[in-house]
N, C-alpha and C. Protein backbone atom coordinates (compact mmCIF):
# COMPACT_ATOMS: atom_id res chain seq x y z
N UNK A 1 9.77 26.15 -10.41
CA UNK A 1 9.74 24.83 -11.47
C UNK A 1 8.38 23.88 -11.79
N UNK A 2 7.98 23.69 -12.46
CA UNK A 2 6.93 22.87 -12.71
C UNK A 2 6.78 21.49 -12.55
N UNK A 3 5.73 20.82 -12.28
CA UNK A 3 5.91 19.48 -12.02
C UNK A 3 6.41 18.65 -12.89
N UNK A 4 6.45 18.79 -14.29
CA UNK A 4 6.77 18.15 -15.67
C UNK A 4 8.38 18.23 -15.41
N UNK A 5 8.80 19.19 -15.23
CA UNK A 5 10.42 19.77 -15.32
C UNK A 5 11.04 18.90 -14.22
N UNK A 6 10.41 19.02 -12.82
CA UNK A 6 10.61 18.08 -11.76
C UNK A 6 10.92 16.65 -11.94
N UNK A 7 9.82 16.31 -12.60
CA UNK A 7 9.73 14.59 -12.97
C UNK A 7 10.91 14.34 -14.07
N UNK A 8 11.18 15.09 -14.92
CA UNK A 8 11.97 15.15 -16.18
C UNK A 8 13.51 15.06 -15.35
N UNK A 9 13.67 16.02 -14.40
CA UNK A 9 14.98 15.85 -13.80
C UNK A 9 15.25 14.69 -12.57
N UNK A 10 14.20 14.19 -11.92
CA UNK A 10 14.13 13.13 -11.14
C UNK A 10 14.53 11.90 -11.99
N UNK A 11 13.88 11.70 -13.01
CA UNK A 11 14.26 10.83 -13.78
C UNK A 11 15.71 10.42 -13.97
N UNK A 12 16.31 11.37 -14.30
CA UNK A 12 17.77 11.32 -14.47
C UNK A 12 18.45 10.54 -13.20
N UNK A 13 17.91 10.57 -12.19
CA UNK A 13 18.62 10.17 -10.79
C UNK A 13 18.77 8.72 -10.96
N UNK A 14 19.95 8.56 -9.87
CA UNK A 14 20.19 6.93 -9.80
C UNK A 14 18.98 6.64 -9.05
N UNK A 15 18.73 5.09 -9.36
CA UNK A 15 17.36 4.59 -8.44
C UNK A 15 17.14 4.92 -7.05
N UNK A 16 18.38 4.56 -6.46
CA UNK A 16 18.30 4.54 -4.82
C UNK A 16 18.00 6.19 -4.58
N UNK A 17 18.66 7.07 -4.87
CA UNK A 17 17.90 8.31 -4.77
C UNK A 17 16.61 8.66 -5.23
N UNK A 18 16.01 8.17 -6.30
CA UNK A 18 14.72 8.24 -6.42
C UNK A 18 14.04 7.49 -5.40
N UNK A 19 14.31 6.42 -5.19
CA UNK A 19 13.56 5.79 -4.07
C UNK A 19 13.72 6.72 -2.59
N UNK A 20 14.84 7.39 -2.41
CA UNK A 20 14.79 8.04 -1.13
C UNK A 20 13.94 9.24 -1.04
N UNK A 21 13.80 9.60 -2.20
CA UNK A 21 12.75 10.73 -2.64
C UNK A 21 11.32 10.50 -2.35
N UNK A 22 11.30 9.51 -2.76
CA UNK A 22 9.44 8.84 -2.72
C UNK A 22 9.47 8.54 -1.04
N UNK A 23 10.37 8.00 -0.54
CA UNK A 23 10.16 7.65 0.93
C UNK A 23 10.01 8.84 1.56
N UNK A 24 10.95 10.21 1.33
CA UNK A 24 10.54 11.54 2.20
C UNK A 24 9.30 11.95 1.84
N UNK A 25 9.05 12.08 0.45
CA UNK A 25 7.51 12.54 0.04
C UNK A 25 6.65 11.90 0.82
N UNK A 26 6.79 10.37 0.79
CA UNK A 26 5.62 9.58 1.58
C UNK A 26 5.46 9.71 3.00
N UNK A 27 6.52 10.10 3.56
CA UNK A 27 6.91 10.12 5.25
C UNK A 27 6.04 11.49 5.29
N UNK A 28 6.36 12.72 4.36
CA UNK A 28 5.81 13.89 4.73
C UNK A 28 4.28 14.02 4.46
N UNK A 29 3.71 13.30 3.70
CA UNK A 29 2.27 12.96 3.38
C UNK A 29 1.68 12.38 4.57
N UNK A 30 2.40 11.53 4.93
CA UNK A 30 1.64 10.56 6.14
C UNK A 30 1.57 11.37 7.54
N UNK A 31 2.69 12.31 7.66
CA UNK A 31 2.73 13.16 8.49
C UNK A 31 1.43 14.00 8.71
N UNK A 32 0.97 14.51 7.73
CA UNK A 32 0.11 15.75 7.45
C UNK A 32 -1.30 15.02 7.01
N UNK A 33 -1.23 13.58 6.96
CA UNK A 33 -2.61 12.97 6.54
C UNK A 33 -3.66 12.85 7.58
N UNK A 34 -4.85 13.15 7.55
CA UNK A 34 -5.92 12.74 8.88
C UNK A 34 -6.39 11.18 8.17
N UNK A 35 -6.65 10.80 9.19
CA UNK A 35 -7.24 9.51 9.29
C UNK A 35 -8.50 9.48 8.62
N UNK A 36 -8.66 8.61 7.32
CA UNK A 36 -10.20 8.38 6.79
C UNK A 36 -11.14 8.11 7.73
N UNK A 37 -12.40 8.74 7.51
CA UNK A 37 -13.57 8.16 8.43
C UNK A 37 -13.90 6.77 7.79
N UNK A 38 -14.34 5.70 8.52
CA UNK A 38 -14.97 4.41 7.54
C UNK A 38 -16.26 4.58 7.59
N UNK A 39 -16.67 4.37 6.42
CA UNK A 39 -18.01 4.26 6.07
C UNK A 39 -18.77 3.11 6.43
N UNK A 40 -20.35 3.42 6.94
CA UNK A 40 -20.80 1.97 7.51
C UNK A 40 -20.79 0.68 6.71
N UNK A 41 -20.62 1.11 5.32
CA UNK A 41 -20.45 -0.13 4.12
C UNK A 41 -18.94 -0.74 4.39
N UNK A 42 -17.94 -0.06 4.69
CA UNK A 42 -16.32 -0.51 4.99
C UNK A 42 -16.49 -1.20 6.37
N UNK A 43 -17.32 -0.54 7.46
CA UNK A 43 -17.14 -1.20 8.76
C UNK A 43 -17.91 -2.48 8.51
N UNK A 44 -19.31 -2.62 7.97
CA UNK A 44 -19.71 -3.89 7.91
C UNK A 44 -18.64 -5.10 7.18
N UNK A 45 -17.97 -4.50 5.98
CA UNK A 45 -17.37 -5.37 5.39
C UNK A 45 -16.39 -6.11 6.31
N UNK A 46 -15.40 -5.29 6.90
CA UNK A 46 -14.29 -5.52 8.17
C UNK A 46 -15.21 -6.31 8.98
N UNK A 47 -16.29 -6.20 9.45
CA UNK A 47 -16.89 -6.89 10.46
C UNK A 47 -17.06 -8.47 10.17
N UNK A 48 -17.66 -8.57 8.62
CA UNK A 48 -17.70 -9.73 8.14
C UNK A 48 -16.50 -10.66 7.94
N UNK A 49 -15.35 -9.77 7.47
CA UNK A 49 -14.12 -10.55 7.49
C UNK A 49 -13.60 -10.78 8.78
N UNK A 50 -13.72 -9.98 9.59
CA UNK A 50 -13.27 -10.54 11.10
C UNK A 50 -14.12 -11.97 11.62
N UNK A 51 -15.31 -11.71 11.33
CA UNK A 51 -16.43 -12.88 11.83
C UNK A 51 -16.06 -14.31 10.99
N UNK A 52 -15.50 -14.19 9.68
CA UNK A 52 -15.18 -15.17 8.76
C UNK A 52 -13.77 -15.80 9.41
N UNK A 53 -13.00 -14.66 9.56
CA UNK A 53 -11.74 -15.41 10.41
C UNK A 53 -11.77 -16.00 11.66
N UNK A 54 -12.45 -15.33 12.52
CA UNK A 54 -12.90 -16.25 13.78
C UNK A 54 -13.57 -17.34 13.57
N UNK A 55 -14.43 -17.66 12.99
CA UNK A 55 -15.22 -19.04 12.61
C UNK A 55 -14.24 -20.02 11.94
N UNK A 56 -13.37 -19.59 11.25
CA UNK A 56 -12.41 -20.54 10.66
C UNK A 56 -11.18 -20.17 10.54
N UNK A 57 -10.22 -19.95 11.57
CA UNK A 57 -8.85 -19.36 11.62
C UNK A 57 -7.90 -20.01 10.78
N UNK A 58 -8.24 -21.36 10.44
CA UNK A 58 -7.35 -21.84 9.48
C UNK A 58 -7.31 -21.51 8.00
N UNK A 59 -8.27 -20.67 7.60
CA UNK A 59 -8.48 -20.48 6.42
C UNK A 59 -7.77 -19.21 6.12
N UNK A 60 -6.39 -19.28 6.27
CA UNK A 60 -6.07 -17.91 5.85
C UNK A 60 -4.67 -18.32 4.70
N UNK A 61 -4.04 -17.37 3.94
CA UNK A 61 -2.81 -17.50 3.40
C UNK A 61 -1.73 -16.68 3.99
N UNK A 62 -0.63 -17.45 3.71
CA UNK A 62 0.42 -16.80 4.40
C UNK A 62 0.66 -15.90 3.31
N UNK A 63 1.92 -14.93 3.77
CA UNK A 63 2.58 -13.76 2.91
C UNK A 63 3.53 -14.64 1.83
N UNK A 64 4.11 -15.85 2.26
CA UNK A 64 4.61 -16.55 1.19
C UNK A 64 3.72 -17.27 0.22
N UNK A 65 2.48 -17.71 0.63
CA UNK A 65 1.66 -18.26 -0.44
C UNK A 65 1.06 -17.22 -1.41
N UNK A 66 0.99 -16.07 -0.64
CA UNK A 66 0.60 -14.90 -1.54
C UNK A 66 1.72 -14.12 -2.70
N UNK A 67 2.90 -14.24 -2.14
CA UNK A 67 3.80 -14.19 -3.01
C UNK A 67 4.16 -15.10 -4.24
N UNK A 68 4.03 -16.30 -3.79
CA UNK A 68 4.25 -17.34 -4.84
C UNK A 68 3.10 -17.36 -5.84
N UNK A 69 1.71 -17.13 -5.52
CA UNK A 69 0.65 -17.10 -6.30
C UNK A 69 0.99 -15.91 -7.15
N UNK A 70 1.42 -14.63 -6.83
CA UNK A 70 1.54 -13.40 -7.64
C UNK A 70 2.83 -13.83 -8.58
N UNK A 71 3.84 -14.40 -8.43
CA UNK A 71 4.82 -14.44 -9.05
C UNK A 71 4.99 -15.84 -10.20
N UNK A 72 3.84 -16.59 -9.94
CA UNK A 72 3.66 -17.75 -10.72
C UNK A 72 3.65 -17.66 -12.20
N UNK A 73 4.31 -18.29 -13.10
CA UNK A 73 4.20 -17.99 -14.34
C UNK A 73 2.67 -18.22 -15.02
N UNK A 74 2.40 -17.41 -15.87
CA UNK A 74 1.10 -17.25 -16.34
C UNK A 74 1.15 -17.89 -17.87
């Protein structure tokens, strides 16, 4: 069975079954995945962000703040 046929079949499933399929596929990928190596550029970016957090730990957004921002009317 080719990918398109599988996708067409899966689209007919109830949402909760599709979600379970996604979870199982994702779990299977994460079990096999290798950890990506960090580039020097990414390491530098992470170091800058950690330094910024250390210098001003109060300058952060909570998950509730982020969710409200994303869900705001546009």
